[in-house]
N, C-alpha and C. Protein backbone atom coordinates (compact mmCIF):
# COMPACT_ATOMS: atom_id res chain seq x y z
N MET A 1 -8.63 -11.25 23.41
CA MET A 1 -7.62 -11.49 22.22
C MET A 1 -6.89 -10.35 22.10
N ARG A 2 -5.50 -10.71 22.14
CA ARG A 2 -4.65 -9.54 21.90
C ARG A 2 -4.67 -8.93 20.59
N LEU A 3 -5.35 -9.72 19.58
CA LEU A 3 -5.44 -9.11 18.13
C LEU A 3 -6.49 -8.03 18.09
N LEU A 4 -7.56 -8.26 19.04
CA LEU A 4 -8.72 -7.34 18.94
C LEU A 4 -8.28 -5.97 19.12
N PRO A 5 -7.47 -5.49 20.29
CA PRO A 5 -7.00 -4.20 20.38
C PRO A 5 -6.18 -3.69 19.12
N GLU A 6 -5.39 -4.55 18.57
CA GLU A 6 -4.46 -4.14 17.44
C GLU A 6 -5.42 -3.75 16.38
N ALA A 7 -6.52 -4.46 16.06
CA ALA A 7 -7.45 -4.36 14.81
C ALA A 7 -8.10 -2.88 15.19
N LEU A 8 -8.52 -2.66 16.41
CA LEU A 8 -9.21 -1.48 16.77
C LEU A 8 -8.32 -0.29 16.59
N GLU A 9 -7.11 -0.47 16.92
CA GLU A 9 -6.17 0.66 16.87
C GLU A 9 -5.94 0.95 15.40
N LYS A 10 -6.07 0.10 14.57
CA LYS A 10 -5.78 0.34 13.05
C LYS A 10 -7.13 0.94 12.36
N GLY A 11 -8.15 1.21 13.23
CA GLY A 11 -9.36 1.64 12.74
C GLY A 11 -10.44 0.73 12.22
N LYS A 12 -10.19 -0.46 12.55
CA LYS A 12 -11.14 -1.60 11.96
C LYS A 12 -12.31 -1.79 12.97
N SER A 13 -13.22 -2.34 12.49
CA SER A 13 -14.58 -2.57 13.39
C SER A 13 -14.27 -3.66 14.24
N GLY A 14 -13.33 -4.50 14.10
CA GLY A 14 -12.99 -5.55 15.11
C GLY A 14 -12.36 -6.67 14.31
N ILE A 15 -12.65 -7.98 14.87
CA ILE A 15 -11.97 -9.06 14.30
C ILE A 15 -13.00 -10.18 13.90
N ILE A 16 -12.49 -11.13 13.02
CA ILE A 16 -13.39 -12.26 12.67
C ILE A 16 -12.43 -13.53 12.95
N LEU A 17 -12.98 -14.44 13.73
CA LEU A 17 -12.42 -15.68 13.97
C LEU A 17 -12.96 -16.66 13.12
N TYR A 18 -12.17 -17.22 12.27
CA TYR A 18 -12.79 -18.22 11.23
C TYR A 18 -12.32 -19.72 11.74
N PHE A 19 -13.36 -20.51 11.83
CA PHE A 19 -13.18 -21.82 12.34
C PHE A 19 -13.48 -22.78 11.17
N GLY A 20 -12.39 -23.62 10.64
CA GLY A 20 -12.65 -24.61 9.85
C GLY A 20 -11.96 -25.93 10.10
N GLN A 21 -12.09 -26.86 9.38
CA GLN A 21 -11.40 -28.01 9.42
C GLN A 21 -11.11 -28.65 8.06
N PRO A 22 -10.01 -29.47 8.03
CA PRO A 22 -9.71 -30.03 6.72
C PRO A 22 -10.83 -31.01 6.26
N ASN A 23 -10.91 -30.97 4.98
CA ASN A 23 -11.91 -31.85 4.22
C ASN A 23 -13.37 -31.40 4.38
N CYS A 24 -13.59 -30.31 4.89
CA CYS A 24 -14.97 -29.63 5.08
C CYS A 24 -15.47 -28.94 3.98
N ALA A 25 -16.56 -29.54 3.20
CA ALA A 25 -17.16 -29.17 1.99
C ALA A 25 -17.42 -27.72 2.12
N TYR A 26 -18.13 -27.33 3.17
CA TYR A 26 -18.75 -26.07 3.33
C TYR A 26 -17.55 -25.15 3.54
N CYS A 27 -16.54 -25.40 4.32
CA CYS A 27 -15.28 -24.69 4.52
C CYS A 27 -14.80 -24.35 3.05
N LYS A 28 -14.61 -25.31 2.23
CA LYS A 28 -14.03 -25.16 0.93
C LYS A 28 -14.91 -24.15 0.15
N ALA A 29 -16.27 -24.35 0.34
CA ALA A 29 -17.31 -23.53 -0.42
C ALA A 29 -17.17 -21.89 -0.10
N ILE A 30 -17.02 -21.73 1.33
CA ILE A 30 -16.92 -20.38 1.82
C ILE A 30 -15.65 -19.73 1.26
N MET A 31 -14.56 -20.48 1.30
CA MET A 31 -13.21 -19.96 0.93
C MET A 31 -13.09 -19.86 -0.60
N GLY A 32 -13.64 -20.81 -1.28
CA GLY A 32 -13.53 -20.77 -2.68
C GLY A 32 -14.55 -19.89 -3.49
N GLU A 33 -15.72 -19.86 -2.93
CA GLU A 33 -16.72 -19.26 -3.63
C GLU A 33 -17.04 -17.69 -3.02
N ASN A 34 -17.11 -17.70 -1.90
CA ASN A 34 -17.32 -16.29 -1.25
C ASN A 34 -16.00 -15.36 -1.17
N LEU A 35 -15.01 -16.05 -0.55
CA LEU A 35 -13.69 -15.30 -0.29
C LEU A 35 -12.77 -15.26 -1.59
N SER A 36 -13.40 -15.51 -2.75
CA SER A 36 -12.60 -15.29 -3.82
C SER A 36 -13.19 -14.04 -4.69
N LYS A 37 -14.22 -13.54 -4.19
CA LYS A 37 -14.84 -12.38 -4.64
C LYS A 37 -14.19 -11.15 -4.26
N PRO A 38 -13.49 -10.36 -5.16
CA PRO A 38 -12.66 -9.31 -4.77
C PRO A 38 -13.43 -8.18 -4.07
N TYR A 39 -14.62 -7.96 -4.34
CA TYR A 39 -15.38 -6.99 -3.44
C TYR A 39 -15.58 -7.31 -2.06
N LEU A 40 -15.80 -8.82 -1.79
CA LEU A 40 -15.84 -9.24 -0.52
C LEU A 40 -14.54 -9.14 0.38
N VAL A 41 -13.76 -9.52 -0.34
CA VAL A 41 -12.30 -9.68 0.27
C VAL A 41 -11.81 -8.27 0.66
N GLU A 42 -12.07 -7.24 -0.22
CA GLU A 42 -11.79 -5.92 -0.05
C GLU A 42 -12.59 -5.38 1.32
N TYR A 43 -13.79 -5.65 1.22
CA TYR A 43 -14.77 -5.13 2.38
C TYR A 43 -14.25 -5.82 3.81
N VAL A 44 -14.01 -7.06 3.69
CA VAL A 44 -13.66 -7.70 4.94
C VAL A 44 -12.40 -7.30 5.50
N ARG A 45 -11.33 -7.02 4.50
CA ARG A 45 -10.07 -6.59 4.85
C ARG A 45 -10.05 -5.18 5.46
N ARG A 46 -11.04 -4.35 4.80
CA ARG A 46 -11.16 -2.96 5.38
C ARG A 46 -11.62 -2.77 6.65
N HIS A 47 -12.73 -3.61 6.97
CA HIS A 47 -13.41 -3.53 8.28
C HIS A 47 -12.90 -4.45 9.37
N PHE A 48 -12.14 -5.65 9.14
CA PHE A 48 -11.76 -6.63 10.07
C PHE A 48 -10.39 -7.23 9.85
N ASP A 49 -9.78 -7.66 10.94
CA ASP A 49 -8.72 -8.51 10.82
C ASP A 49 -9.09 -9.91 11.00
N VAL A 50 -8.89 -10.77 10.09
CA VAL A 50 -9.34 -12.20 10.24
C VAL A 50 -8.38 -13.05 10.65
N ILE A 51 -8.59 -14.06 11.67
CA ILE A 51 -7.85 -15.05 12.31
C ILE A 51 -8.45 -16.49 11.87
N GLY A 52 -7.86 -17.20 11.20
CA GLY A 52 -8.14 -18.59 10.93
C GLY A 52 -7.67 -19.62 11.89
N MET A 53 -8.49 -20.63 12.21
CA MET A 53 -8.12 -21.49 13.20
C MET A 53 -8.85 -22.83 12.97
N LYS A 54 -8.14 -23.95 13.16
CA LYS A 54 -8.69 -25.39 13.06
C LYS A 54 -9.54 -25.51 14.21
N VAL A 55 -10.74 -25.90 14.21
CA VAL A 55 -11.73 -26.17 15.19
C VAL A 55 -11.33 -26.96 16.21
N PHE A 56 -10.65 -28.15 16.09
CA PHE A 56 -10.35 -29.03 17.16
C PHE A 56 -8.93 -28.96 17.53
N SER A 57 -8.30 -27.70 17.32
CA SER A 57 -6.91 -27.60 17.55
C SER A 57 -6.59 -27.61 19.15
N ASN A 58 -5.38 -27.91 19.55
CA ASN A 58 -4.91 -27.65 20.88
C ASN A 58 -4.00 -26.65 21.03
N GLU A 59 -3.89 -25.65 20.08
CA GLU A 59 -3.13 -24.55 20.18
C GLU A 59 -3.52 -23.61 21.24
N ASP A 60 -2.69 -22.74 21.84
CA ASP A 60 -2.94 -21.97 22.96
C ASP A 60 -3.71 -20.63 22.26
N LEU A 61 -4.56 -20.10 23.13
CA LEU A 61 -5.35 -19.01 22.72
C LEU A 61 -5.66 -18.15 24.01
N THR A 62 -5.68 -17.01 23.78
CA THR A 62 -6.04 -15.91 24.84
C THR A 62 -7.39 -15.30 24.43
N ASP A 63 -8.47 -15.60 25.24
CA ASP A 63 -9.77 -15.25 24.96
C ASP A 63 -9.95 -13.58 25.04
N THR A 64 -11.06 -13.26 24.85
CA THR A 64 -11.47 -11.70 24.86
C THR A 64 -11.41 -11.14 26.32
N ASP A 65 -11.34 -11.95 27.31
CA ASP A 65 -11.29 -11.63 28.64
C ASP A 65 -9.93 -11.77 29.20
N GLY A 66 -9.05 -12.21 28.40
CA GLY A 66 -7.56 -12.39 28.79
C GLY A 66 -7.40 -13.70 29.29
N ARG A 67 -8.13 -14.60 29.17
CA ARG A 67 -7.99 -15.90 29.79
C ARG A 67 -7.23 -16.77 28.95
N ALA A 68 -6.24 -17.50 29.35
CA ALA A 68 -5.49 -18.53 28.52
C ALA A 68 -6.37 -19.86 28.52
N THR A 69 -6.43 -20.29 27.19
CA THR A 69 -7.42 -21.56 26.99
C THR A 69 -6.70 -22.10 25.63
N THR A 70 -7.34 -23.11 25.13
CA THR A 70 -6.94 -23.67 23.82
C THR A 70 -8.19 -23.37 22.78
N VAL A 71 -7.82 -23.49 21.56
CA VAL A 71 -8.77 -23.31 20.58
C VAL A 71 -10.00 -24.27 20.68
N LYS A 72 -9.61 -25.54 21.00
CA LYS A 72 -10.64 -26.52 21.19
C LYS A 72 -11.62 -26.12 22.42
N GLU A 73 -10.99 -25.78 23.63
CA GLU A 73 -11.75 -25.37 24.73
C GLU A 73 -12.70 -24.08 24.32
N PHE A 74 -12.09 -23.08 23.70
CA PHE A 74 -12.76 -21.90 23.28
C PHE A 74 -13.96 -22.28 22.39
N THR A 75 -13.72 -23.11 21.38
CA THR A 75 -14.89 -23.44 20.56
C THR A 75 -16.12 -24.15 21.29
N GLU A 76 -15.62 -24.87 22.10
CA GLU A 76 -16.65 -25.77 22.95
C GLU A 76 -17.39 -24.51 23.94
N ARG A 77 -16.61 -23.69 24.43
CA ARG A 77 -17.54 -22.73 25.24
C ARG A 77 -18.47 -21.80 24.50
N GLU A 78 -17.77 -21.45 23.16
CA GLU A 78 -18.60 -20.67 22.34
C GLU A 78 -19.68 -21.38 21.37
N LYS A 79 -19.81 -22.73 21.53
CA LYS A 79 -20.69 -23.42 21.01
C LYS A 79 -20.57 -23.45 19.59
N VAL A 80 -19.22 -23.55 19.08
CA VAL A 80 -18.94 -23.73 17.53
C VAL A 80 -19.08 -25.21 17.37
N LEU A 81 -20.28 -25.46 16.98
CA LEU A 81 -20.55 -27.05 16.68
C LEU A 81 -20.34 -27.45 15.20
N PHE A 82 -20.40 -26.42 14.39
CA PHE A 82 -20.37 -26.84 12.96
C PHE A 82 -19.22 -25.95 12.21
N THR A 83 -18.74 -26.49 11.03
CA THR A 83 -17.95 -25.64 10.35
C THR A 83 -18.25 -25.57 8.95
N PRO A 84 -17.88 -24.41 8.37
CA PRO A 84 -17.24 -23.16 9.01
C PRO A 84 -18.09 -22.55 9.82
N ALA A 85 -17.37 -21.72 10.72
CA ALA A 85 -18.03 -20.83 11.60
C ALA A 85 -17.11 -19.45 11.74
N LEU A 86 -17.88 -18.39 11.70
CA LEU A 86 -17.27 -17.06 11.68
C LEU A 86 -17.74 -16.39 13.05
N LEU A 87 -17.07 -16.01 13.95
CA LEU A 87 -17.42 -15.23 15.00
C LEU A 87 -16.79 -13.78 14.97
N PHE A 88 -17.58 -12.91 14.95
CA PHE A 88 -17.41 -11.48 14.95
C PHE A 88 -17.18 -10.64 16.31
N TYR A 89 -16.11 -10.06 16.61
CA TYR A 89 -15.94 -9.50 17.84
C TYR A 89 -15.75 -7.95 17.56
N GLY A 90 -16.22 -7.05 18.30
CA GLY A 90 -16.17 -5.72 18.11
C GLY A 90 -15.47 -4.96 19.26
N LYS A 91 -15.81 -3.61 19.37
CA LYS A 91 -15.14 -2.80 20.31
C LYS A 91 -15.40 -3.05 21.87
N ASP A 92 -16.60 -3.68 22.04
CA ASP A 92 -16.84 -3.92 23.42
C ASP A 92 -16.45 -5.48 23.91
N ARG A 93 -15.56 -5.94 23.01
CA ARG A 93 -14.84 -7.43 23.19
C ARG A 93 -15.88 -8.36 23.23
N ARG A 94 -17.11 -8.31 22.89
CA ARG A 94 -18.20 -9.22 22.99
C ARG A 94 -18.45 -9.74 21.62
N ARG A 95 -18.94 -11.07 21.56
CA ARG A 95 -19.21 -11.44 20.23
C ARG A 95 -20.43 -10.70 19.67
N ALA A 96 -20.34 -10.26 18.54
CA ALA A 96 -21.36 -9.25 17.98
C ALA A 96 -22.27 -10.30 16.93
N LEU A 97 -21.60 -11.34 16.42
CA LEU A 97 -22.24 -12.17 15.34
C LEU A 97 -21.67 -13.38 15.33
N LYS A 98 -22.52 -14.46 14.99
CA LYS A 98 -21.88 -15.86 14.87
C LYS A 98 -22.55 -16.38 13.55
N LEU A 99 -21.85 -16.71 12.55
CA LEU A 99 -22.41 -17.26 11.36
C LEU A 99 -21.76 -18.64 11.22
N ARG A 100 -22.68 -19.72 11.11
CA ARG A 100 -22.32 -21.04 10.98
C ARG A 100 -22.85 -21.67 9.45
N GLY A 101 -21.97 -22.29 8.83
CA GLY A 101 -22.25 -22.86 7.53
C GLY A 101 -21.79 -21.85 6.39
N SER A 102 -22.18 -22.26 5.20
CA SER A 102 -21.72 -21.47 4.07
C SER A 102 -22.78 -20.65 3.86
N TYR A 103 -22.62 -19.29 3.52
CA TYR A 103 -23.65 -18.22 2.94
C TYR A 103 -23.13 -17.70 1.61
N PRO A 104 -24.25 -17.25 0.94
CA PRO A 104 -23.88 -16.53 -0.28
C PRO A 104 -23.03 -15.43 0.08
N ALA A 105 -22.29 -14.88 -0.79
CA ALA A 105 -21.39 -13.75 -0.68
C ALA A 105 -22.21 -12.42 0.00
N TYR A 106 -23.09 -12.26 -0.65
CA TYR A 106 -23.99 -10.92 -0.21
C TYR A 106 -24.33 -10.90 1.15
N LYS A 107 -24.76 -12.09 1.68
CA LYS A 107 -25.23 -12.18 3.20
C LYS A 107 -24.08 -12.00 4.09
N MET A 108 -22.88 -12.16 3.82
CA MET A 108 -21.69 -11.91 4.58
C MET A 108 -21.46 -10.28 4.65
N MET A 109 -22.07 -9.50 3.91
CA MET A 109 -21.74 -8.03 4.03
C MET A 109 -23.12 -7.41 4.58
N THR A 110 -23.99 -8.23 5.04
CA THR A 110 -25.22 -7.53 5.70
C THR A 110 -25.19 -7.62 7.19
């Protein structure tokens, strides 16, 4: 993903890909309850660039290996079966963590 090198150049730990969908109650919970907490927003912004995507989108995407794909194909390959899903990518361009569903804010910082 072209955005990963940019995040690393800015001194961040990596990127977070956020996958959601309209009318998803858990997506609304994670956005409304967790990402409304100033300490969590500050922590995430300091350490990561966050890219939001609709899970079933046909938008073009370049993956971490430089391959052209679509968001939908990428989510299928990465087994993003539920929303919300957060995929964390770090310096080695590999997925470091996958969170599915809604978590309490404190769990997002551990």
